[in-house]
Amino acid sequence: MISVTGNQMKAIDNYCIEKLGIPGIVLMENAALKVVKNIDLDEFTSFTIVCGVGNNGGDGLAVARHLYVLGKEVKVFLIGNIGKGSRDFDINYKILKNIGLDLVHINSQEDLKTLNHSLKSTGMTIDALFGTGLSRKVEGLYKDVITSINANSNYILSIDIPSGMHSDTGEVLGVSVKANKTVTMQLMKKGLINNSQYTGQVIVEAIGMPKVAIDSILNIK
């Protein structure tokens, strides 16, 4: 199985978007559908989805939409500066606002109490805080949110990589989500191999990235 670093995955992603013309929002939608595919919708009917404002958070918002359309109970929590969200995050954020889905922005300890209650009362937590680009230590309110997810969730699914884990080494950057399942996109990340204690079951799902993009970046002939 091919495994890649965070920078390699970013380069493959950029190749698909910039060289091949595949819109990022299409890859995000594909990723969301593959996450939903890996949820037992008979067993899990209620969800707390915790999102950052990057593309990993955008994946989480798209998952929230699909679960909502399927008639599931969905609660969405956001952390970070909404005004600085990625372009594809913004698209999915606006869709959820238009649908009328309640979005809670975590800004305080009081918001954390609301999050704690939601985590305890729903069947699955979906972690969409940080993707493979994280390299700094997790601190402040982000650390509190991850600690809360670990302490209060009944079952955790992480999108692409558990938030707080270094995608290359598997190192815990201060604190990391401890997932029951990780659905990672297109290729295995090296860090997921190195730290199975935090990943739970790892599923690799293709999201429509052509072989030419992967081969070009990894110099596969």
N, C-alpha and C. Protein backbone atom coordinates (compact mmCIF):
# COMPACT_ATOMS: atom_id res chain seq x y z
N MET A 1 0.84 -1.20 0.00
CA MET A 1 0.00 0.00 0.00
C MET A 1 0.87 1.26 0.00
N ILE A 2 0.57 2.19 -0.89
CA ILE A 2 1.29 3.46 -0.92
C ILE A 2 0.88 4.30 0.27
N SER A 3 1.86 4.92 0.95
CA SER A 3 1.56 5.88 2.00
C SER A 3 2.27 7.19 1.69
N VAL A 4 1.67 8.29 2.11
CA VAL A 4 2.18 9.60 1.74
C VAL A 4 2.29 10.53 2.94
N THR A 5 3.11 11.55 2.80
CA THR A 5 3.19 12.61 3.79
C THR A 5 2.07 13.62 3.55
N GLY A 6 1.89 14.51 4.50
CA GLY A 6 0.90 15.57 4.33
C GLY A 6 1.19 16.46 3.14
N ASN A 7 2.47 16.79 2.94
CA ASN A 7 2.84 17.65 1.82
C ASN A 7 2.62 16.97 0.49
N GLN A 8 2.89 15.67 0.42
CA GLN A 8 2.64 14.93 -0.82
C GLN A 8 1.14 14.90 -1.14
N MET A 9 0.33 14.68 -0.11
CA MET A 9 -1.12 14.64 -0.33
C MET A 9 -1.62 16.00 -0.79
N LYS A 10 -1.09 17.06 -0.20
CA LYS A 10 -1.48 18.42 -0.61
C LYS A 10 -1.09 18.67 -2.06
N ALA A 11 0.08 18.21 -2.45
CA ALA A 11 0.55 18.39 -3.83
C ALA A 11 -0.33 17.62 -4.82
N ILE A 12 -0.74 16.41 -4.44
CA ILE A 12 -1.65 15.63 -5.30
C ILE A 12 -2.99 16.34 -5.44
N ASP A 13 -3.48 16.84 -4.33
CA ASP A 13 -4.74 17.59 -4.32
C ASP A 13 -4.65 18.80 -5.24
N ASN A 14 -3.55 19.55 -5.10
CA ASN A 14 -3.36 20.75 -5.93
C ASN A 14 -3.23 20.39 -7.41
N TYR A 15 -2.57 19.28 -7.71
CA TYR A 15 -2.42 18.83 -9.09
C TYR A 15 -3.79 18.55 -9.71
N CYS A 16 -4.64 17.88 -8.94
CA CYS A 16 -5.99 17.57 -9.43
C CYS A 16 -6.77 18.85 -9.73
N ILE A 17 -6.63 19.82 -8.84
CA ILE A 17 -7.41 21.06 -8.97
C ILE A 17 -6.82 21.98 -10.05
N GLU A 18 -5.50 22.20 -9.99
CA GLU A 18 -4.87 23.21 -10.85
C GLU A 18 -4.48 22.66 -12.22
N LYS A 19 -3.98 21.46 -12.29
CA LYS A 19 -3.52 20.90 -13.56
C LYS A 19 -4.64 20.18 -14.32
N LEU A 20 -5.47 19.45 -13.57
CA LEU A 20 -6.51 18.64 -14.22
C LEU A 20 -7.86 19.34 -14.27
N GLY A 21 -8.02 20.39 -13.47
CA GLY A 21 -9.26 21.15 -13.52
C GLY A 21 -10.42 20.55 -12.73
N ILE A 22 -10.12 19.64 -11.81
CA ILE A 22 -11.18 19.08 -10.96
C ILE A 22 -11.45 20.06 -9.84
N PRO A 23 -12.66 20.61 -9.74
CA PRO A 23 -12.93 21.59 -8.67
C PRO A 23 -12.76 20.96 -7.29
N GLY A 24 -12.17 21.72 -6.38
CA GLY A 24 -11.98 21.23 -5.02
C GLY A 24 -13.28 20.81 -4.36
N ILE A 25 -14.36 21.52 -4.69
CA ILE A 25 -15.65 21.21 -4.08
C ILE A 25 -16.15 19.84 -4.51
N VAL A 26 -15.74 19.39 -5.71
CA VAL A 26 -16.11 18.04 -6.18
C VAL A 26 -15.39 16.99 -5.34
N LEU A 27 -14.10 17.21 -5.09
CA LEU A 27 -13.34 16.28 -4.25
C LEU A 27 -13.91 16.25 -2.83
N MET A 28 -14.31 17.42 -2.33
CA MET A 28 -14.90 17.51 -0.99
C MET A 28 -16.21 16.74 -0.92
N GLU A 29 -17.03 16.88 -1.95
CA GLU A 29 -18.30 16.17 -1.99
C GLU A 29 -18.08 14.66 -2.05
N ASN A 30 -17.11 14.23 -2.85
CA ASN A 30 -16.78 12.82 -2.92
C ASN A 30 -16.32 12.28 -1.56
N ALA A 31 -15.48 13.08 -0.88
CA ALA A 31 -14.99 12.68 0.44
C ALA A 31 -16.14 12.52 1.43
N ALA A 32 -17.07 13.46 1.40
CA ALA A 32 -18.22 13.41 2.32
C ALA A 32 -19.06 12.16 2.07
N LEU A 33 -19.29 11.85 0.82
CA LEU A 33 -20.09 10.66 0.48
C LEU A 33 -19.40 9.39 0.95
N LYS A 34 -18.06 9.35 0.87
CA LYS A 34 -17.34 8.16 1.31
C LYS A 34 -17.37 8.03 2.84
N VAL A 35 -17.38 9.16 3.54
CA VAL A 35 -17.53 9.10 5.00
C VAL A 35 -18.89 8.51 5.36
N VAL A 36 -19.94 9.03 4.72
CA VAL A 36 -21.29 8.53 5.01
C VAL A 36 -21.40 7.05 4.69
N LYS A 37 -20.74 6.62 3.63
CA LYS A 37 -20.74 5.20 3.25
C LYS A 37 -20.21 4.31 4.38
N ASN A 38 -19.31 4.85 5.17
CA ASN A 38 -18.67 4.09 6.24
C ASN A 38 -19.35 4.23 7.59
N ILE A 39 -20.59 4.73 7.60
CA ILE A 39 -21.38 4.83 8.82
C ILE A 39 -22.53 3.83 8.75
N ASP A 40 -22.72 3.06 9.79
CA ASP A 40 -23.87 2.17 9.88
C ASP A 40 -25.08 3.03 10.27
N LEU A 41 -25.88 3.37 9.29
CA LEU A 41 -26.99 4.31 9.52
C LEU A 41 -28.17 3.67 10.24
N ASP A 42 -28.14 2.37 10.39
CA ASP A 42 -29.14 1.71 11.23
C ASP A 42 -28.75 1.80 12.70
N GLU A 43 -27.45 1.67 12.96
CA GLU A 43 -26.96 1.74 14.34
C GLU A 43 -26.88 3.18 14.84
N PHE A 44 -26.42 4.08 13.98
CA PHE A 44 -26.20 5.48 14.38
C PHE A 44 -27.25 6.39 13.73
N THR A 45 -28.01 7.07 14.55
CA THR A 45 -29.08 7.94 14.04
C THR A 45 -28.92 9.39 14.49
N SER A 46 -27.98 9.65 15.40
CA SER A 46 -27.76 11.02 15.88
C SER A 46 -26.27 11.33 15.90
N PHE A 47 -25.94 12.55 15.51
CA PHE A 47 -24.54 12.90 15.27
C PHE A 47 -24.20 14.29 15.81
N THR A 48 -23.02 14.38 16.42
CA THR A 48 -22.41 15.67 16.72
C THR A 48 -21.19 15.80 15.82
N ILE A 49 -21.17 16.83 14.99
CA ILE A 49 -20.07 17.01 14.04
C ILE A 49 -19.31 18.28 14.42
N VAL A 50 -18.01 18.12 14.69
CA VAL A 50 -17.18 19.22 15.16
C VAL A 50 -16.21 19.61 14.07
N CYS A 51 -16.31 20.85 13.60
CA CYS A 51 -15.58 21.28 12.40
C CYS A 51 -14.67 22.47 12.66
N GLY A 52 -13.48 22.44 12.07
CA GLY A 52 -12.66 23.62 11.94
C GLY A 52 -13.11 24.39 10.71
N VAL A 53 -12.32 25.37 10.28
CA VAL A 53 -12.75 26.22 9.16
C VAL A 53 -11.93 25.97 7.89
N GLY A 54 -11.10 24.94 7.89
CA GLY A 54 -10.36 24.56 6.69
C GLY A 54 -11.14 23.54 5.88
N ASN A 55 -10.43 22.88 4.96
CA ASN A 55 -11.10 21.90 4.11
C ASN A 55 -11.56 20.66 4.87
N ASN A 56 -10.86 20.30 5.94
CA ASN A 56 -11.33 19.18 6.76
C ASN A 56 -12.68 19.53 7.38
N GLY A 57 -12.80 20.78 7.84
CA GLY A 57 -14.08 21.24 8.36
C GLY A 57 -15.15 21.28 7.29
N GLY A 58 -14.75 21.64 6.06
CA GLY A 58 -15.68 21.63 4.94
C GLY A 58 -16.20 20.24 4.65
N ASP A 59 -15.31 19.23 4.76
CA ASP A 59 -15.74 17.84 4.63
C ASP A 59 -16.82 17.53 5.66
N GLY A 60 -16.57 17.97 6.89
CA GLY A 60 -17.52 17.72 7.97
C GLY A 60 -18.87 18.36 7.72
N LEU A 61 -18.87 19.58 7.19
CA LEU A 61 -20.14 20.26 6.88
C LEU A 61 -20.90 19.53 5.78
N ALA A 62 -20.17 19.05 4.79
CA ALA A 62 -20.82 18.30 3.70
C ALA A 62 -21.41 16.99 4.23
N VAL A 63 -20.69 16.32 5.14
CA VAL A 63 -21.22 15.12 5.78
C VAL A 63 -22.49 15.45 6.55
N ALA A 64 -22.47 16.57 7.27
CA ALA A 64 -23.65 17.01 8.03
C ALA A 64 -24.86 17.16 7.13
N ARG A 65 -24.65 17.74 5.95
CA ARG A 65 -25.76 17.94 5.01
C ARG A 65 -26.35 16.61 4.56
N HIS A 66 -25.48 15.67 4.20
CA HIS A 66 -25.96 14.38 3.73
C HIS A 66 -26.72 13.64 4.83
N LEU A 67 -26.21 13.68 6.05
CA LEU A 67 -26.89 13.00 7.16
C LEU A 67 -28.23 13.66 7.46
N TYR A 68 -28.27 14.98 7.37
CA TYR A 68 -29.52 15.72 7.59
C TYR A 68 -30.56 15.36 6.54
N VAL A 69 -30.12 15.28 5.28
CA VAL A 69 -31.02 14.91 4.19
C VAL A 69 -31.57 13.49 4.39
N LEU A 70 -30.77 12.63 5.01
CA LEU A 70 -31.20 11.26 5.28
C LEU A 70 -32.11 11.16 6.51
N GLY A 71 -32.42 12.29 7.10
CA GLY A 71 -33.35 12.31 8.22
C GLY A 71 -32.72 12.05 9.58
N LYS A 72 -31.40 12.16 9.67
CA LYS A 72 -30.72 11.93 10.93
C LYS A 72 -30.70 13.20 11.79
N GLU A 73 -30.55 13.02 13.09
CA GLU A 73 -30.39 14.16 14.00
C GLU A 73 -28.95 14.63 13.92
N VAL A 74 -28.75 15.88 13.54
CA VAL A 74 -27.40 16.39 13.31
C VAL A 74 -27.20 17.70 14.07
N LYS A 75 -26.14 17.73 14.87
CA LYS A 75 -25.74 18.96 15.56
C LYS A 75 -24.33 19.31 15.12
N VAL A 76 -24.15 20.56 14.68
CA VAL A 76 -22.86 20.98 14.14
C VAL A 76 -22.24 22.06 15.03
N PHE A 77 -20.97 21.85 15.38
CA PHE A 77 -20.21 22.82 16.17
C PHE A 77 -19.01 23.27 15.36
N LEU A 78 -18.73 24.57 15.39
CA LEU A 78 -17.63 25.14 14.63
C LEU A 78 -16.66 25.83 15.56
N ILE A 79 -15.38 25.71 15.26
CA ILE A 79 -14.37 26.45 16.01
C ILE A 79 -13.38 27.07 15.02
N GLY A 80 -13.08 28.35 15.24
CA GLY A 80 -12.19 29.07 14.33
C GLY A 80 -12.87 30.30 13.77
N ASN A 81 -12.10 31.08 13.04
CA ASN A 81 -12.59 32.32 12.44
C ASN A 81 -13.34 32.02 11.14
N ILE A 82 -14.68 32.11 11.21
CA ILE A 82 -15.50 31.79 10.03
C ILE A 82 -15.13 32.67 8.85
N GLY A 83 -14.74 33.90 9.11
CA GLY A 83 -14.38 34.83 8.05
C GLY A 83 -13.12 34.44 7.30
N LYS A 84 -12.35 33.50 7.86
CA LYS A 84 -11.10 33.06 7.22
C LYS A 84 -11.19 31.59 6.79
N GLY A 85 -12.40 31.10 6.60
CA GLY A 85 -12.59 29.73 6.16
C GLY A 85 -12.10 29.53 4.73
N SER A 86 -11.75 28.30 4.39
CA SER A 86 -11.34 28.00 3.02
C SER A 86 -12.54 28.20 2.08
N ARG A 87 -12.26 28.33 0.81
CA ARG A 87 -13.32 28.60 -0.17
C ARG A 87 -14.38 27.50 -0.17
N ASP A 88 -13.94 26.26 -0.14
CA ASP A 88 -14.89 25.15 -0.20
C ASP A 88 -15.61 24.97 1.14
N PHE A 89 -14.95 25.33 2.23
CA PHE A 89 -15.64 25.38 3.52
C PHE A 89 -16.78 26.38 3.45
N ASP A 90 -16.50 27.56 2.90
CA ASP A 90 -17.51 28.63 2.82
C ASP A 90 -18.74 28.17 2.04
N ILE A 91 -18.53 27.43 0.96
CA ILE A 91 -19.65 26.96 0.15
C ILE A 91 -20.57 26.07 0.99
N ASN A 92 -19.97 25.11 1.68
CA ASN A 92 -20.79 24.19 2.47
C ASN A 92 -21.39 24.86 3.70
N TYR A 93 -20.69 25.82 4.25
CA TYR A 93 -21.22 26.59 5.38
C TYR A 93 -22.49 27.35 4.96
N LYS A 94 -22.43 28.00 3.81
CA LYS A 94 -23.59 28.76 3.32
C LYS A 94 -24.77 27.84 3.01
N ILE A 95 -24.48 26.65 2.47
CA ILE A 95 -25.56 25.70 2.19
C ILE A 95 -26.27 25.31 3.48
N LEU A 96 -25.51 25.01 4.53
CA LEU A 96 -26.13 24.61 5.79
C LEU A 96 -26.94 25.76 6.40
N LYS A 97 -26.43 26.98 6.25
CA LYS A 97 -27.18 28.15 6.73
C LYS A 97 -28.49 28.28 5.95
N ASN A 98 -28.43 28.07 4.65
CA ASN A 98 -29.63 28.18 3.80
C ASN A 98 -30.65 27.09 4.14
N ILE A 99 -30.15 25.90 4.46
CA ILE A 99 -31.04 24.81 4.85
C ILE A 99 -31.74 25.12 6.17
N GLY A 100 -31.04 25.87 7.03
CA GLY A 100 -31.59 26.19 8.34
C GLY A 100 -31.07 25.29 9.44
N LEU A 101 -29.97 24.57 9.17
CA LEU A 101 -29.38 23.72 10.19
C LEU A 101 -28.70 24.59 11.24
N ASP A 102 -28.93 24.27 12.50
CA ASP A 102 -28.37 25.05 13.60
C ASP A 102 -26.87 24.81 13.70
N LEU A 103 -26.09 25.88 13.69
CA LEU A 103 -24.64 25.80 13.79
C LEU A 103 -24.20 26.54 15.04
N VAL A 104 -23.50 25.86 15.93
CA VAL A 104 -23.02 26.47 17.17
C VAL A 104 -21.54 26.80 17.03
N HIS A 105 -21.20 28.06 17.22
CA HIS A 105 -19.81 28.49 17.13
C HIS A 105 -19.20 28.48 18.53
N ILE A 106 -18.16 27.68 18.72
CA ILE A 106 -17.54 27.55 20.04
C ILE A 106 -16.58 28.71 20.28
N ASN A 107 -16.95 29.56 21.23
CA ASN A 107 -16.12 30.72 21.57
C ASN A 107 -15.76 30.79 23.04
N SER A 108 -16.42 29.99 23.88
CA SER A 108 -16.27 30.16 25.33
C SER A 108 -16.45 28.83 26.05
N GLN A 109 -16.19 28.86 27.35
CA GLN A 109 -16.40 27.67 28.19
C GLN A 109 -17.88 27.31 28.24
N GLU A 110 -18.75 28.31 28.14
CA GLU A 110 -20.19 28.03 28.13
C GLU A 110 -20.56 27.24 26.87
N ASP A 111 -19.95 27.60 25.75
CA ASP A 111 -20.18 26.85 24.51
C ASP A 111 -19.67 25.41 24.64
N LEU A 112 -18.57 25.24 25.39
CA LEU A 112 -18.03 23.91 25.62
C LEU A 112 -19.01 23.04 26.40
N LYS A 113 -19.74 23.64 27.33
CA LYS A 113 -20.75 22.89 28.08
C LYS A 113 -21.85 22.40 27.15
N THR A 114 -22.23 23.25 26.20
CA THR A 114 -23.24 22.86 25.20
C THR A 114 -22.72 21.70 24.36
N LEU A 115 -21.43 21.80 23.97
CA LEU A 115 -20.80 20.72 23.20
C LEU A 115 -20.78 19.43 24.01
N ASN A 116 -20.40 19.50 25.27
CA ASN A 116 -20.33 18.31 26.12
C ASN A 116 -21.68 17.59 26.18
N HIS A 117 -22.74 18.36 26.34
CA HIS A 117 -24.08 17.78 26.41
C HIS A 117 -24.44 17.08 25.09
N SER A 118 -24.08 17.73 23.97
CA SER A 118 -24.38 17.17 22.66
C SER A 118 -23.60 15.87 22.43
N LEU A 119 -22.33 15.86 22.80
CA LEU A 119 -21.49 14.68 22.62
C LEU A 119 -22.06 13.48 23.39
N LYS A 120 -22.50 13.74 24.59
CA LYS A 120 -23.03 12.67 25.44
C LYS A 120 -24.36 12.13 24.94
N SER A 121 -25.14 13.01 24.30
CA SER A 121 -26.52 12.64 23.95
C SER A 121 -26.67 12.10 22.54
N THR A 122 -25.60 12.16 21.73
CA THR A 122 -25.68 11.64 20.36
C THR A 122 -24.84 10.37 20.21
N GLY A 123 -25.20 9.55 19.23
CA GLY A 123 -24.56 8.26 19.07
C GLY A 123 -23.14 8.32 18.55
N MET A 124 -22.90 9.24 17.60
CA MET A 124 -21.58 9.34 16.98
C MET A 124 -21.09 10.77 16.96
N THR A 125 -19.80 10.93 17.26
CA THR A 125 -19.11 12.20 17.06
C THR A 125 -18.28 12.10 15.79
N ILE A 126 -18.39 13.09 14.92
CA ILE A 126 -17.55 13.14 13.72
C ILE A 126 -16.55 14.27 13.89
N ASP A 127 -15.28 13.92 13.85
CA ASP A 127 -14.17 14.84 14.07
C ASP A 127 -13.70 15.38 12.73
N ALA A 128 -13.93 16.69 12.51
CA ALA A 128 -13.50 17.36 11.27
C ALA A 128 -12.80 18.67 11.63
N LEU A 129 -11.97 18.61 12.66
CA LEU A 129 -11.29 19.83 13.14
C LEU A 129 -10.06 20.17 12.30
N PHE A 130 -9.10 19.27 12.29
CA PHE A 130 -7.83 19.49 11.58
C PHE A 130 -7.59 18.38 10.57
N GLY A 131 -7.02 18.73 9.44
CA GLY A 131 -6.65 17.73 8.45
C GLY A 131 -5.19 17.39 8.53
N THR A 132 -4.62 17.02 7.39
CA THR A 132 -3.24 16.53 7.36
C THR A 132 -2.20 17.65 7.42
N GLY A 133 -2.63 18.91 7.38
CA GLY A 133 -1.67 20.01 7.37
C GLY A 133 -1.21 20.46 8.74
N LEU A 134 -1.77 19.90 9.81
CA LEU A 134 -1.43 20.37 11.15
C LEU A 134 0.01 20.01 11.50
N SER A 135 0.77 21.01 11.98
CA SER A 135 2.16 20.75 12.39
C SER A 135 2.50 21.41 13.73
N ARG A 136 1.59 22.24 14.24
CA ARG A 136 1.85 22.93 15.51
C ARG A 136 1.14 22.24 16.66
N LYS A 137 1.59 22.54 17.86
CA LYS A 137 0.96 21.98 19.05
C LYS A 137 -0.44 22.55 19.23
N VAL A 138 -1.38 21.69 19.59
CA VAL A 138 -2.77 22.12 19.80
C VAL A 138 -2.89 22.74 21.18
N GLU A 139 -3.42 23.97 21.23
CA GLU A 139 -3.51 24.70 22.50
C GLU A 139 -4.85 25.40 22.62
N GLY A 140 -5.07 25.99 23.80
CA GLY A 140 -6.23 26.85 24.03
C GLY A 140 -7.56 26.13 23.89
N LEU A 141 -8.51 26.83 23.27
CA LEU A 141 -9.86 26.30 23.13
C LEU A 141 -9.89 25.04 22.26
N TYR A 142 -8.98 24.96 21.29
CA TYR A 142 -8.91 23.76 20.45
C TYR A 142 -8.55 22.54 21.30
N LYS A 143 -7.60 22.71 22.20
CA LYS A 143 -7.21 21.63 23.11
C LYS A 143 -8.39 21.22 23.98
N ASP A 144 -9.14 22.21 24.47
CA ASP A 144 -10.31 21.92 25.30
C ASP A 144 -11.36 21.14 24.52
N VAL A 145 -11.55 21.50 23.25
CA VAL A 145 -12.55 20.82 22.42
C VAL A 145 -12.15 19.36 22.19
N ILE A 146 -10.89 19.11 21.87
CA ILE A 146 -10.44 17.74 21.65
C ILE A 146 -10.54 16.92 22.93
N THR A 147 -10.16 17.52 24.04
CA THR A 147 -10.27 16.83 25.34
C THR A 147 -11.73 16.47 25.62
N SER A 148 -12.62 17.39 25.30
CA SER A 148 -14.06 17.15 25.49
C SER A 148 -14.57 16.03 24.59
N ILE A 149 -14.13 16.03 23.34
CA ILE A 149 -14.53 14.97 22.40
C ILE A 149 -14.13 13.60 22.95
N ASN A 150 -12.89 13.49 23.41
CA ASN A 150 -12.41 12.20 23.93
C ASN A 150 -13.14 11.77 25.19
N ALA A 151 -13.47 12.72 26.04
CA ALA A 151 -14.06 12.40 27.34
C ALA A 151 -15.55 12.09 27.26
N ASN A 152 -16.25 12.66 26.29
CA ASN A 152 -17.71 12.62 26.30
C ASN A 152 -18.38 11.88 25.15
N SER A 153 -17.62 11.49 24.14
CA SER A 153 -18.22 10.85 22.96
C SER A 153 -18.53 9.38 23.21
N ASN A 154 -19.58 8.91 22.57
CA ASN A 154 -19.93 7.49 22.62
C ASN A 154 -19.18 6.69 21.56
N TYR A 155 -18.91 7.32 20.43
CA TYR A 155 -18.18 6.69 19.32
C TYR A 155 -17.64 7.83 18.47
N ILE A 156 -16.37 7.71 18.03
CA ILE A 156 -15.74 8.80 17.28
C ILE A 156 -15.27 8.32 15.92
N LEU A 157 -15.69 9.05 14.87
CA LEU A 157 -15.16 8.84 13.52
C LEU A 157 -14.39 10.09 13.13
N SER A 158 -13.12 9.93 12.77
CA SER A 158 -12.31 11.05 12.32
C SER A 158 -12.24 11.07 10.80
N ILE A 159 -12.34 12.25 10.23
CA ILE A 159 -12.23 12.42 8.79
C ILE A 159 -10.77 12.67 8.41
N ASP A 160 -10.20 11.81 7.62
CA ASP A 160 -8.86 11.85 7.07
C ASP A 160 -7.77 11.49 8.09
N ILE A 161 -7.79 12.13 9.27
CA ILE A 161 -6.81 11.83 10.30
C ILE A 161 -7.36 12.33 11.64
N PRO A 162 -7.11 11.65 12.75
CA PRO A 162 -7.57 12.18 14.02
C PRO A 162 -6.96 13.57 14.28
N SER A 163 -7.78 14.52 14.64
CA SER A 163 -7.31 15.89 14.83
C SER A 163 -6.34 15.96 16.00
N GLY A 164 -5.17 16.54 15.70
CA GLY A 164 -4.11 16.65 16.70
C GLY A 164 -2.96 15.70 16.44
N MET A 165 -3.11 14.81 15.46
CA MET A 165 -2.04 13.88 15.08
C MET A 165 -1.24 14.44 13.91
N HIS A 166 0.08 14.33 13.99
CA HIS A 166 0.93 14.74 12.87
C HIS A 166 0.80 13.70 11.77
N SER A 167 0.47 14.14 10.57
CA SER A 167 0.14 13.19 9.49
C SER A 167 1.35 12.41 8.99
N ASP A 168 2.57 12.90 9.25
CA ASP A 168 3.77 12.21 8.77
C ASP A 168 4.32 11.22 9.79
N THR A 169 4.26 11.58 11.06
CA THR A 169 4.93 10.79 12.10
C THR A 169 3.98 10.04 13.01
N GLY A 170 2.73 10.49 13.09
CA GLY A 170 1.79 9.93 14.05
C GLY A 170 1.93 10.54 15.43
N GLU A 171 2.83 11.51 15.57
CA GLU A 171 3.04 12.17 16.86
C GLU A 171 1.77 12.90 17.29
N VAL A 172 1.47 12.82 18.59
CA VAL A 172 0.37 13.59 19.16
C VAL A 172 0.89 14.99 19.47
N LEU A 173 0.28 15.98 18.84
CA LEU A 173 0.73 17.36 18.96
C LEU A 173 0.05 18.04 20.17
N GLY A 174 0.44 17.56 21.33
CA GLY A 174 -0.14 18.08 22.57
C GLY A 174 -1.33 17.26 23.01
N VAL A 175 -2.32 17.17 22.15
CA VAL A 175 -3.52 16.37 22.41
C VAL A 175 -4.10 15.96 21.06
N SER A 176 -4.68 14.77 20.99
CA SER A 176 -5.26 14.29 19.73
C SER A 176 -6.57 13.59 20.01
N VAL A 177 -7.48 13.70 19.06
CA VAL A 177 -8.69 12.89 19.10
C VAL A 177 -8.28 11.42 19.07
N LYS A 178 -8.95 10.61 19.88
CA LYS A 178 -8.71 9.17 19.90
C LYS A 178 -9.92 8.50 19.25
N ALA A 179 -9.79 8.19 17.97
CA ALA A 179 -10.92 7.76 17.16
C ALA A 179 -11.18 6.26 17.28
N ASN A 180 -12.44 5.89 17.06
CA ASN A 180 -12.80 4.48 16.89
C ASN A 180 -12.61 4.05 15.44
N LYS A 181 -12.78 5.00 14.52
CA LYS A 181 -12.60 4.74 13.09
C LYS A 181 -12.08 6.01 12.43
N THR A 182 -11.17 5.83 11.47
CA THR A 182 -10.68 6.95 10.67
C THR A 182 -10.91 6.63 9.21
N VAL A 183 -11.61 7.51 8.52
CA VAL A 183 -11.80 7.37 7.07
C VAL A 183 -10.86 8.37 6.40
N THR A 184 -9.81 7.85 5.78
CA THR A 184 -8.80 8.71 5.17
C THR A 184 -8.96 8.68 3.65
N MET A 185 -8.63 9.79 3.01
CA MET A 185 -8.97 9.98 1.61
C MET A 185 -7.85 9.63 0.65
N GLN A 186 -8.16 8.77 -0.31
CA GLN A 186 -7.36 8.42 -1.48
C GLN A 186 -6.13 7.56 -1.17
N LEU A 187 -5.28 8.01 -0.22
CA LEU A 187 -4.05 7.29 0.09
C LEU A 187 -3.83 7.25 1.60
N MET A 188 -3.18 6.19 2.06
CA MET A 188 -2.82 6.08 3.47
C MET A 188 -1.81 7.17 3.85
N LYS A 189 -2.00 7.79 5.00
CA LYS A 189 -1.06 8.77 5.51
C LYS A 189 -0.06 8.06 6.43
N LYS A 190 1.20 8.42 6.33
CA LYS A 190 2.24 7.72 7.08
C LYS A 190 1.97 7.73 8.59
N GLY A 191 1.46 8.83 9.09
CA GLY A 191 1.20 8.92 10.53
C GLY A 191 0.15 7.94 11.01
N LEU A 192 -0.78 7.58 10.15
CA LEU A 192 -1.83 6.63 10.53
C LEU A 192 -1.25 5.24 10.77
N ILE A 193 -0.18 4.92 10.07
CA ILE A 193 0.48 3.62 10.24
C ILE A 193 1.24 3.59 11.56
N ASN A 194 1.77 4.75 11.94
CA ASN A 194 2.66 4.82 13.11
C ASN A 194 1.94 4.95 14.44
N ASN A 195 0.63 5.23 14.43
CA ASN A 195 -0.05 5.46 15.71
C ASN A 195 -1.47 4.89 15.68
N SER A 196 -1.56 3.58 15.62
CA SER A 196 -2.87 2.93 15.56
C SER A 196 -3.66 3.09 16.85
N GLN A 197 -2.99 3.45 17.94
CA GLN A 197 -3.66 3.65 19.23
C GLN A 197 -4.71 4.75 19.15
N TYR A 198 -4.48 5.75 18.26
CA TYR A 198 -5.38 6.90 18.16
C TYR A 198 -6.29 6.83 16.93
N THR A 199 -5.99 5.95 15.99
CA THR A 199 -6.74 5.96 14.74
C THR A 199 -7.98 5.07 14.76
N GLY A 200 -7.96 4.02 15.61
CA GLY A 200 -8.99 3.00 15.50
C GLY A 200 -8.87 2.31 14.15
N GLN A 201 -9.97 1.77 13.65
CA GLN A 201 -9.97 1.14 12.33
C GLN A 201 -9.74 2.20 11.26
N VAL A 202 -8.81 1.95 10.35
CA VAL A 202 -8.51 2.91 9.27
C VAL A 202 -9.05 2.37 7.95
N ILE A 203 -9.86 3.19 7.30
CA ILE A 203 -10.41 2.88 5.99
C ILE A 203 -9.87 3.90 4.99
N VAL A 204 -9.29 3.42 3.89
CA VAL A 204 -8.82 4.30 2.82
C VAL A 204 -9.88 4.30 1.71
N GLU A 205 -10.35 5.50 1.37
CA GLU A 205 -11.41 5.62 0.35
C GLU A 205 -10.94 6.50 -0.80
N ALA A 206 -11.11 6.01 -2.02
CA ALA A 206 -10.80 6.81 -3.21
C ALA A 206 -11.86 7.90 -3.39
N ILE A 207 -11.42 9.10 -3.76
CA ILE A 207 -12.37 10.21 -3.93
C ILE A 207 -12.29 10.82 -5.33
N GLY A 208 -11.81 10.03 -6.29
CA GLY A 208 -11.83 10.50 -7.68
C GLY A 208 -10.58 11.21 -8.14
N MET A 209 -9.45 10.96 -7.47
CA MET A 209 -8.19 11.55 -7.92
C MET A 209 -7.55 10.61 -8.95
N PRO A 210 -7.37 11.07 -10.18
CA PRO A 210 -6.83 10.18 -11.22
C PRO A 210 -5.40 9.73 -10.92
N LYS A 211 -5.06 8.56 -11.46
CA LYS A 211 -3.75 7.96 -11.24
C LYS A 211 -2.63 8.89 -11.71
N VAL A 212 -2.88 9.65 -12.77
CA VAL A 212 -1.83 10.53 -13.30
C VAL A 212 -1.41 11.57 -12.27
N ALA A 213 -2.31 12.02 -11.44
CA ALA A 213 -1.97 13.01 -10.40
C ALA A 213 -1.07 12.38 -9.35
N ILE A 214 -1.43 11.18 -8.93
CA ILE A 214 -0.64 10.48 -7.90
C ILE A 214 0.73 10.12 -8.44
N ASP A 215 0.77 9.57 -9.66
CA ASP A 215 2.03 9.16 -10.26
C ASP A 215 2.96 10.34 -10.47
N SER A 216 2.39 11.49 -10.87
CA SER A 216 3.23 12.67 -11.16
C SER A 216 3.91 13.19 -9.90
N ILE A 217 3.18 13.23 -8.80
CA ILE A 217 3.73 13.76 -7.55
C ILE A 217 4.68 12.77 -6.90
N LEU A 218 4.36 11.49 -6.94
CA LEU A 218 5.20 10.48 -6.29
C LEU A 218 6.27 9.92 -7.20
N ASN A 219 6.34 10.43 -8.44
CA ASN A 219 7.32 10.00 -9.42
C ASN A 219 7.26 8.50 -9.67
N ILE A 220 6.01 8.02 -9.79
CA ILE A 220 5.81 6.62 -10.12
C ILE A 220 5.74 6.47 -11.63
N LYS A 221 6.52 5.57 -12.17
CA LYS A 221 6.59 5.39 -13.62
C LYS A 221 5.88 4.12 -14.03
